C-alpha atoms as a PDB file:
ATOM      1  CA  UNK A   1      19.700 -15.501   9.364  1.00  0.00           C
ATOM      2  CA  UNK A   2      18.499 -14.009   6.092  1.00  0.00           C
ATOM      3  CA  UNK A   3      16.010 -16.873   5.641  1.00  0.00           C
ATOM      4  CA  UNK A   4      14.736 -16.351   9.193  1.00  0.00           C
ATOM      5  CA  UNK A   5      14.212 -12.671   8.399  1.00  0.00           C
ATOM      6  CA  UNK A   6      12.188 -13.530   5.273  1.00  0.00           C
ATOM      7  CA  UNK A   7       9.971 -15.990   7.138  1.00  0.00           C
ATOM      8  CA  UNK A   8       9.533 -13.574  10.046  1.00  0.00           C
ATOM      9  CA  UNK A   9       8.481 -10.740   7.746  1.00  0.00           C
ATOM     10  CA  UNK A  10       6.118 -13.090   5.900  1.00  0.00           C
ATOM     11  CA  UNK A  11       4.415 -14.093   9.151  1.00  0.00           C
ATOM     12  CA  UNK A  12       4.091 -10.453  10.225  1.00  0.00           C
ATOM     13  CA  UNK A  13       2.437  -9.283   6.975  1.00  0.00           C
ATOM     14  CA  UNK A  14      -1.175  -9.708   8.190  1.00  0.00           C
ATOM     15  CA  UNK A  15      -0.337  -7.712  11.305  1.00  0.00           C
ATOM     16  CA  UNK A  16       1.165  -4.928   9.171  1.00  0.00           C
ATOM     17  CA  UNK A  17      -2.119  -4.709   7.261  1.00  0.00           C
ATOM     18  CA  UNK A  18      -4.151  -4.575  10.468  1.00  0.00           C
ATOM     19  CA  UNK A  19      -1.880  -1.958  12.047  1.00  0.00           C
ATOM     20  CA  UNK A  20      -2.163   0.117   8.879  1.00  0.00           C
ATOM     21  CA  UNK A  21      -5.961  -0.177   9.090  1.00  0.00           C
ATOM     22  CA  UNK A  22      -6.026   0.938  12.687  1.00  0.00           C
ATOM     23  CA  UNK A  23      -3.814   3.921  11.888  1.00  0.00           C
ATOM     24  CA  UNK A  24      -6.377   4.872   9.234  1.00  0.00           C
ATOM     25  CA  UNK A  25      -9.224   4.558  11.738  1.00  0.00           C
ATOM     26  CA  UNK A  26      -7.368   6.604  14.329  1.00  0.00           C
ATOM     27  CA  UNK A  27      -6.618   9.393  11.877  1.00  0.00           C
ATOM     28  CA  UNK A  28     -10.177   9.207  10.556  1.00  0.00           C
ATOM     29  CA  UNK A  29     -11.499   9.941  14.022  1.00  0.00           C
ATOM     30  CA  UNK A  30      -9.629  13.257  13.976  1.00  0.00           C
ATOM     31  CA  UNK A  31     -10.908  14.165  10.499  1.00  0.00           C
ATOM     32  CA  UNK A  32     -14.490  12.832  10.329  1.00  0.00           C
ATOM     33  CA  UNK A  33     -15.454  14.426   6.992  1.00  0.00           C
ATOM     34  CA  UNK A  34     -12.735  12.778   4.926  1.00  0.00           C
ATOM     35  CA  UNK A  35     -11.730   9.173   4.391  1.00  0.00           C
ATOM     36  CA  UNK A  36      -8.023   8.740   5.095  1.00  0.00           C
ATOM     37  CA  UNK A  37      -6.405   5.473   4.053  1.00  0.00           C
ATOM     38  CA  UNK A  38      -2.933   4.878   5.374  1.00  0.00           C
ATOM     39  CA  UNK A  39      -0.832   2.879   2.950  1.00  0.00           C
ATOM     40  CA  UNK A  40       2.280   2.693   5.085  1.00  0.00           C
ATOM     41  CA  UNK A  41       2.456  -0.827   3.731  1.00  0.00           C
ATOM     42  CA  UNK A  42       3.524   0.516   0.336  1.00  0.00           C
ATOM     43  CA  UNK A  43       6.621   2.023   1.941  1.00  0.00           C
ATOM     44  CA  UNK A  44       7.480  -1.396   3.358  1.00  0.00           C
ATOM     45  CA  UNK A  45       6.844  -3.062  -0.006  1.00  0.00           C
ATOM     46  CA  UNK A  46       8.924  -0.445  -1.777  1.00  0.00           C
ATOM     47  CA  UNK A  47      12.028  -1.312   0.206  1.00  0.00           C
ATOM     48  CA  UNK A  48      11.321  -5.029   0.489  1.00  0.00           C
ATOM     49  CA  UNK A  49      12.029  -5.422  -3.254  1.00  0.00           C
ATOM     50  CA  UNK A  50      15.719  -5.286  -2.326  1.00  0.00           C
ATOM     51  CA  UNK A  51      15.583  -8.238   0.043  1.00  0.00           C
ATOM     52  CA  UNK A  52      13.493 -10.927  -1.621  1.00  0.00           C
ATOM     53  CA  UNK A  53      13.157 -12.626  -4.982  1.00  0.00           C
ATOM     54  CA  UNK A  54      10.377 -11.685  -7.367  1.00  0.00           C
ATOM     55  CA  UNK A  55       8.324 -14.789  -6.658  1.00  0.00           C
ATOM     56  CA  UNK A  56       8.494 -14.435  -2.890  1.00  0.00           C
ATOM     57  CA  UNK A  57       7.673 -10.748  -3.292  1.00  0.00           C
ATOM     58  CA  UNK A  58       4.553 -11.624  -5.295  1.00  0.00           C
ATOM     59  CA  UNK A  59       3.581 -14.111  -2.571  1.00  0.00           C
ATOM     60  CA  UNK A  60       3.956 -11.222  -0.082  1.00  0.00           C
ATOM     61  CA  UNK A  61       1.663  -9.118  -2.269  1.00  0.00           C
ATOM     62  CA  UNK A  62      -0.850 -11.963  -2.588  1.00  0.00           C
ATOM     63  CA  UNK A  63      -1.040 -12.474   1.188  1.00  0.00           C
ATOM     64  CA  UNK A  64      -1.338  -8.741   1.841  1.00  0.00           C
ATOM     65  CA  UNK A  65      -4.062  -8.500  -0.797  1.00  0.00           C
ATOM     66  CA  UNK A  66      -6.022 -11.393   0.700  1.00  0.00           C
ATOM     67  CA  UNK A  67      -5.896  -9.935   4.198  1.00  0.00           C
ATOM     68  CA  UNK A  68      -6.803  -6.500   2.838  1.00  0.00           C
ATOM     69  CA  UNK A  69      -9.737  -7.934   0.889  1.00  0.00           C
ATOM     70  CA  UNK A  70     -11.099  -9.883   3.834  1.00  0.00           C
ATOM     71  CA  UNK A  71     -10.697  -6.992   6.261  1.00  0.00           C
ATOM     72  CA  UNK A  72     -11.937  -4.104   4.121  1.00  0.00           C
ATOM     73  CA  UNK A  73     -13.950  -5.298   1.128  1.00  0.00           C
ATOM     74  CA  UNK A  74     -15.316  -8.617   2.448  1.00  0.00           C
ATOM     75  CA  UNK A  75     -14.900  -9.775  -1.141  1.00  0.00           C
ATOM     76  CA  UNK A  76     -11.742 -11.554  -2.254  1.00  0.00           C
ATOM     77  CA  UNK A  77     -10.254 -10.261  -5.462  1.00  0.00           C
ATOM     78  CA  UNK A  78     -10.067  -6.467  -5.599  1.00  0.00           C
ATOM     79  CA  UNK A  79      -7.056  -5.759  -3.400  1.00  0.00           C
ATOM     80  CA  UNK A  80      -5.451  -9.108  -4.207  1.00  0.00           C
ATOM     81  CA  UNK A  81      -5.419  -8.302  -7.902  1.00  0.00           C
ATOM     82  CA  UNK A  82      -4.213  -4.745  -7.334  1.00  0.00           C
ATOM     83  CA  UNK A  83      -1.454  -5.704  -4.901  1.00  0.00           C
ATOM     84  CA  UNK A  84      -0.114  -8.383  -7.257  1.00  0.00           C
ATOM     85  CA  UNK A  85      -0.165  -6.026 -10.259  1.00  0.00           C
ATOM     86  CA  UNK A  86       1.436  -3.177  -8.313  1.00  0.00           C
ATOM     87  CA  UNK A  87       3.950  -5.597  -6.786  1.00  0.00           C
ATOM     88  CA  UNK A  88       5.026  -6.889 -10.204  1.00  0.00           C
ATOM     89  CA  UNK A  89       5.292  -3.308 -11.468  1.00  0.00           C
ATOM     90  CA  UNK A  90       7.301  -2.268  -8.416  1.00  0.00           C
ATOM     91  CA  UNK A  91       9.664  -5.232  -8.497  1.00  0.00           C
ATOM     92  CA  UNK A  92      10.415  -4.766 -12.216  1.00  0.00           C
ATOM     93  CA  UNK A  93      11.238  -1.094 -11.735  1.00  0.00           C
ATOM     94  CA  UNK A  94      13.004  -1.290  -8.370  1.00  0.00           C
ATOM     95  CA  UNK A  95      16.409  -0.420  -9.824  1.00  0.00           C
ATOM     96  CA  UNK A  96      14.994   2.863 -11.135  1.00  0.00           C
ATOM     97  CA  UNK A  97      12.703   3.609  -8.199  1.00  0.00           C
ATOM     98  CA  UNK A  98      15.355   3.105  -5.535  1.00  0.00           C
ATOM     99  CA  UNK A  99      17.866   5.478  -7.139  1.00  0.00           C
ATOM    100  CA  UNK A 100      17.143   8.442  -4.890  1.00  0.00           C
ATOM    101  CA  UNK A 101      14.669   9.848  -2.415  1.00  0.00           C
ATOM    102  CA  UNK A 102      12.664  11.804  -4.974  1.00  0.00           C
ATOM    103  CA  UNK A 103      11.913   8.789  -7.133  1.00  0.00           C
ATOM    104  CA  UNK A 104      10.842   6.860  -4.023  1.00  0.00           C
ATOM    105  CA  UNK A 105       8.506   9.716  -3.068  1.00  0.00           C
ATOM    106  CA  UNK A 106       7.072   9.823  -6.564  1.00  0.00           C
ATOM    107  CA  UNK A 107       6.682   6.028  -6.575  1.00  0.00           C
ATOM    108  CA  UNK A 108       4.798   6.170  -3.275  1.00  0.00           C
ATOM    109  CA  UNK A 109       2.415   8.805  -4.645  1.00  0.00           C
ATOM    110  CA  UNK A 110       1.882   6.839  -7.871  1.00  0.00           C
ATOM    111  CA  UNK A 111       1.305   3.566  -5.977  1.00  0.00           C
ATOM    112  CA  UNK A 112      -1.218   5.258  -3.713  1.00  0.00           C
ATOM    113  CA  UNK A 113      -3.013   6.795  -6.682  1.00  0.00           C
ATOM    114  CA  UNK A 114      -3.099   3.556  -8.671  1.00  0.00           C
ATOM    115  CA  UNK A 115      -4.298   1.485  -5.730  1.00  0.00           C
ATOM    116  CA  UNK A 116      -6.981   3.922  -4.598  1.00  0.00           C
ATOM    117  CA  UNK A 117      -8.256   4.637  -8.108  1.00  0.00           C
ATOM    118  CA  UNK A 118      -8.127   0.965  -9.085  1.00  0.00           C
ATOM    119  CA  UNK A 119      -9.952  -0.146  -5.963  1.00  0.00           C
ATOM    120  CA  UNK A 120     -12.590   2.556  -6.472  1.00  0.00           C
ATOM    121  CA  UNK A 121     -13.163   1.573 -10.103  1.00  0.00           C
ATOM    122  CA  UNK A 122     -13.319  -2.150  -9.325  1.00  0.00           C
ATOM    123  CA  UNK A 123     -15.606  -1.557  -6.335  1.00  0.00           C
ATOM    124  CA  UNK A 124     -17.824   0.625  -8.524  1.00  0.00           C
ATOM    125  CA  UNK A 125     -18.002  -2.081 -11.201  1.00  0.00           C
ATOM    126  CA  UNK A 126     -18.863  -4.754  -8.623  1.00  0.00           C
ATOM    127  CA  UNK A 127     -21.414  -2.505  -6.924  1.00  0.00           C
ATOM    128  CA  UNK A 128     -19.675  -1.998  -3.577  1.00  0.00           C
ATOM    129  CA  UNK A 129     -19.846   1.781  -3.899  1.00  0.00           C
ATOM    130  CA  UNK A 130     -22.211   4.270  -5.444  1.00  0.00           C
ATOM    131  CA  UNK A 131     -20.144   7.385  -4.709  1.00  0.00           C
ATOM    132  CA  UNK A 132     -19.617   9.912  -7.440  1.00  0.00           C
ATOM    133  CA  UNK A 133     -16.066  10.135  -8.854  1.00  0.00           C
ATOM    134  CA  UNK A 134     -15.685  13.794  -7.834  1.00  0.00           C
ATOM    135  CA  UNK A 135     -16.749  13.017  -4.249  1.00  0.00           C
ATOM    136  CA  UNK A 136     -14.263  10.145  -4.147  1.00  0.00           C
ATOM    137  CA  UNK A 137     -11.437  12.364  -5.402  1.00  0.00           C
ATOM    138  CA  UNK A 138     -12.100  15.256  -3.019  1.00  0.00           C
ATOM    139  CA  UNK A 139     -12.931  13.342   0.155  1.00  0.00           C
ATOM    140  CA  UNK A 140     -10.831  10.212  -0.216  1.00  0.00           C
ATOM    141  CA  UNK A 141      -8.145  10.225  -2.903  1.00  0.00           C
ATOM    142  CA  UNK A 142      -6.497  13.592  -2.270  1.00  0.00           C
ATOM    143  CA  UNK A 143      -6.385  13.292   1.556  1.00  0.00           C
ATOM    144  CA  UNK A 144      -5.045   9.752   1.225  1.00  0.00           C
ATOM    145  CA  UNK A 145      -2.305  10.848  -1.153  1.00  0.00           C
ATOM    146  CA  UNK A 146      -1.318  13.712   1.171  1.00  0.00           C
ATOM    147  CA  UNK A 147      -1.177  11.360   4.171  1.00  0.00           C
ATOM    148  CA  UNK A 148       0.983   8.843   2.334  1.00  0.00           C
ATOM    149  CA  UNK A 149       3.273  11.580   1.079  1.00  0.00           C
ATOM    150  CA  UNK A 150       3.769  12.577   4.714  1.00  0.00           C
ATOM    151  CA  UNK A 151       4.481   8.926   5.616  1.00  0.00           C
ATOM    152  CA  UNK A 152       7.251   8.619   3.077  1.00  0.00           C
ATOM    153  CA  UNK A 153       8.679  12.025   3.952  1.00  0.00           C
ATOM    154  CA  UNK A 154       8.938  11.124   7.635  1.00  0.00           C
ATOM    155  CA  UNK A 155       9.770   7.410   7.559  1.00  0.00           C
ATOM    156  CA  UNK A 156      11.904   7.131   4.438  1.00  0.00           C
ATOM    157  CA  UNK A 157      15.065   7.837   6.410  1.00  0.00           C
ATOM    158  CA  UNK A 158      14.397   4.979   8.827  1.00  0.00           C
ATOM    159  CA  UNK A 159      13.819   2.526   5.990  1.00  0.00           C
ATOM    160  CA  UNK A 160      16.970   3.776   4.224  1.00  0.00           C
ATOM    161  CA  UNK A 161      19.051   3.032   7.300  1.00  0.00           C
ATOM    162  CA  UNK A 162      17.619  -0.465   7.522  1.00  0.00           C
ATOM    163  CA  UNK A 163      17.513  -1.507   3.859  1.00  0.00           C
ATOM    164  CA  UNK A 164      20.096   0.574   1.991  1.00  0.00           C
END
Protein backbone atom coordinates (compact mmCIF):
# COMPACT_ATOMS: atom_id res chain seq x y z
CA UNK A 1 0.00 0.00 0.00
CA UNK A 2 2.84 2.36 0.87
CA UNK A 3 4.51 1.68 -2.49
CA UNK A 4 1.22 2.35 -4.29
CA UNK A 5 0.96 5.67 -2.45
CA UNK A 6 4.49 6.66 -3.55
CA UNK A 7 3.82 5.80 -7.19
CA UNK A 8 0.44 7.54 -7.10
CA UNK A 9 1.94 10.73 -5.68
CA UNK A 10 4.75 10.57 -8.24
CA UNK A 11 2.26 10.35 -11.11
CA UNK A 12 0.23 13.25 -9.71
CA UNK A 13 3.21 15.63 -9.37
CA UNK A 14 2.78 17.30 -12.80
CA UNK A 15 -0.88 17.92 -12.01
CA UNK A 16 0.06 19.50 -8.67
CA UNK A 17 2.33 21.92 -10.53
CA UNK A 18 -0.40 22.80 -13.02
CA UNK A 19 -3.03 23.26 -10.31
CA UNK A 20 -0.61 25.51 -8.43
CA UNK A 21 -0.11 27.54 -11.62
CA UNK A 22 -3.81 27.94 -12.16
CA UNK A 23 -4.30 29.06 -8.57
CA UNK A 24 -1.67 31.73 -9.24
CA UNK A 25 -3.47 32.84 -12.40
CA UNK A 26 -6.81 32.96 -10.63
CA UNK A 27 -5.45 35.05 -7.78
CA UNK A 28 -3.57 37.24 -10.25
CA UNK A 29 -6.84 38.12 -11.95
CA UNK A 30 -8.08 39.60 -8.66
CA UNK A 31 -4.87 41.58 -8.11
CA UNK A 32 -3.73 42.72 -11.58
CA UNK A 33 -0.90 45.02 -10.45
CA UNK A 34 1.09 42.39 -8.59
CA UNK A 35 2.49 39.03 -9.60
CA UNK A 36 1.36 36.35 -7.16
CA UNK A 37 3.04 32.96 -7.36
CA UNK A 38 1.41 30.21 -5.37
CA UNK A 39 3.94 27.72 -4.08
CA UNK A 40 1.48 25.39 -2.40
CA UNK A 41 3.77 22.72 -3.76
CA UNK A 42 6.39 23.61 -1.16
CA UNK A 43 3.94 22.70 1.59
CA UNK A 44 3.47 19.30 -0.03
CA UNK A 45 7.23 18.85 -0.41
CA UNK A 46 7.79 19.90 3.18
CA UNK A 47 5.68 17.07 4.53
CA UNK A 48 6.62 14.54 1.86
CA UNK A 49 10.15 14.33 3.35
CA UNK A 50 8.64 12.08 6.02
CA UNK A 51 7.30 9.51 3.58
CA UNK A 52 10.00 8.90 0.99
CA UNK A 53 13.72 8.24 0.83
CA UNK A 54 16.14 11.00 -0.10
CA UNK A 55 16.72 9.70 -3.61
CA UNK A 56 13.04 9.34 -4.43
CA UNK A 57 12.46 12.78 -2.95
CA UNK A 58 15.11 14.26 -5.25
CA UNK A 59 13.44 12.51 -8.19
CA UNK A 60 10.18 14.19 -7.09
CA UNK A 61 11.99 17.54 -7.07
CA UNK A 62 13.54 16.87 -10.48
CA UNK A 63 10.17 16.04 -12.06
CA UNK A 64 8.50 19.06 -10.46
CA UNK A 65 11.35 21.27 -11.65
CA UNK A 66 11.11 19.96 -15.22
CA UNK A 67 7.37 20.53 -15.39
CA UNK A 68 7.78 23.97 -13.81
CA UNK A 69 10.52 24.89 -16.29
CA UNK A 70 8.54 23.76 -19.32
CA UNK A 71 5.34 25.44 -18.17
CA UNK A 72 6.70 28.76 -16.91
CA UNK A 73 10.20 29.47 -18.22
CA UNK A 74 10.15 27.50 -21.50
CA UNK A 75 13.81 26.85 -20.71
CA UNK A 76 14.87 23.70 -18.87
CA UNK A 77 17.27 24.28 -16.03
CA UNK A 78 16.25 27.17 -13.77
CA UNK A 79 13.48 25.59 -11.71
CA UNK A 80 14.97 22.11 -12.03
CA UNK A 81 18.20 23.25 -10.44
CA UNK A 82 16.42 25.24 -7.73
CA UNK A 83 13.97 22.47 -6.84
CA UNK A 84 16.76 19.90 -6.53
CA UNK A 85 18.90 22.21 -4.37
CA UNK A 86 15.97 23.20 -2.17
CA UNK A 87 14.84 19.57 -1.98
CA UNK A 88 18.26 18.39 -0.80
CA UNK A 89 18.35 21.22 1.74
CA UNK A 90 14.84 20.40 2.94
CA UNK A 91 15.41 16.66 3.20
CA UNK A 92 18.66 17.10 5.18
CA UNK A 93 16.98 19.42 7.67
CA UNK A 94 13.59 17.72 7.92
CA UNK A 95 14.15 16.56 11.50
CA UNK A 96 14.64 20.17 12.58
CA UNK A 97 12.03 21.72 10.30
CA UNK A 98 9.24 19.35 11.28
CA UNK A 99 9.64 19.93 15.03
CA UNK A 100 6.77 22.37 15.39
CA UNK A 101 4.42 24.61 13.47
CA UNK A 102 6.58 27.72 13.74
CA UNK A 103 9.63 26.11 12.18
CA UNK A 104 7.44 24.80 9.34
CA UNK A 105 6.08 28.32 8.78
CA UNK A 106 9.57 29.76 8.78
CA UNK A 107 10.76 27.02 6.42
CA UNK A 108 7.92 27.80 4.01
CA UNK A 109 8.82 31.50 4.00
CA UNK A 110 12.52 30.73 3.50
CA UNK A 111 11.80 28.24 0.69
CA UNK A 112 9.58 30.77 -1.05
CA UNK A 113 12.21 33.48 -0.71
CA UNK A 114 15.05 31.27 -1.93
CA UNK A 115 13.09 29.95 -4.89
CA UNK A 116 11.74 33.32 -6.01
CA UNK A 117 15.04 35.15 -5.55
CA UNK A 118 17.02 32.33 -7.15
CA UNK A 119 14.70 32.11 -10.13
CA UNK A 120 14.81 35.89 -10.56
CA UNK A 121 18.62 35.99 -10.44
CA UNK A 122 19.01 33.05 -12.83
CA UNK A 123 16.39 34.46 -15.20
CA UNK A 124 18.16 37.83 -15.08
CA UNK A 125 21.51 36.19 -15.87
CA UNK A 126 20.01 34.24 -18.79
CA UNK A 127 18.16 37.30 -20.08
CA UNK A 128 14.58 36.18 -19.46
CA UNK A 129 13.80 39.29 -17.44
CA UNK A 130 14.90 42.89 -17.46
CA UNK A 131 12.95 43.99 -14.37
CA UNK A 132 14.69 46.04 -11.75
CA UNK A 133 15.38 44.28 -8.43
CA UNK A 134 13.28 46.78 -6.45
CA UNK A 135 10.31 46.30 -8.80
CA UNK A 136 10.66 42.53 -8.45
CA UNK A 137 10.72 42.75 -4.65
CA UNK A 138 7.73 45.08 -4.32
CA UNK A 139 5.45 43.63 -6.98
CA UNK A 140 6.38 39.95 -6.93
CA UNK A 141 8.47 38.73 -4.00
CA UNK A 142 6.61 40.29 -1.08
CA UNK A 143 3.08 39.44 -2.32
CA UNK A 144 4.22 35.90 -3.10
CA UNK A 145 5.69 35.45 0.36
CA UNK A 146 2.50 36.77 1.98
CA UNK A 147 0.34 34.41 -0.10
CA UNK A 148 2.47 31.40 0.78
CA UNK A 149 2.47 32.34 4.44
CA UNK A 150 -1.33 32.31 4.26
CA UNK A 151 -1.22 28.89 2.55
CA UNK A 152 0.82 27.34 5.32
CA UNK A 153 -1.24 29.03 8.03
CA UNK A 154 -4.49 27.64 6.62
CA UNK A 155 -3.45 24.23 5.27
CA UNK A 156 -0.78 23.17 7.73
CA UNK A 157 -3.36 21.54 9.99
CA UNK A 158 -4.68 19.35 7.17
CA UNK A 159 -1.19 18.18 6.25
CA UNK A 160 -0.41 17.51 9.93
CA UNK A 161 -3.42 15.24 10.21
CA UNK A 162 -2.37 13.32 7.12
CA UNK A 163 1.41 13.09 7.59
CA UNK A 164 2.13 13.43 11.31
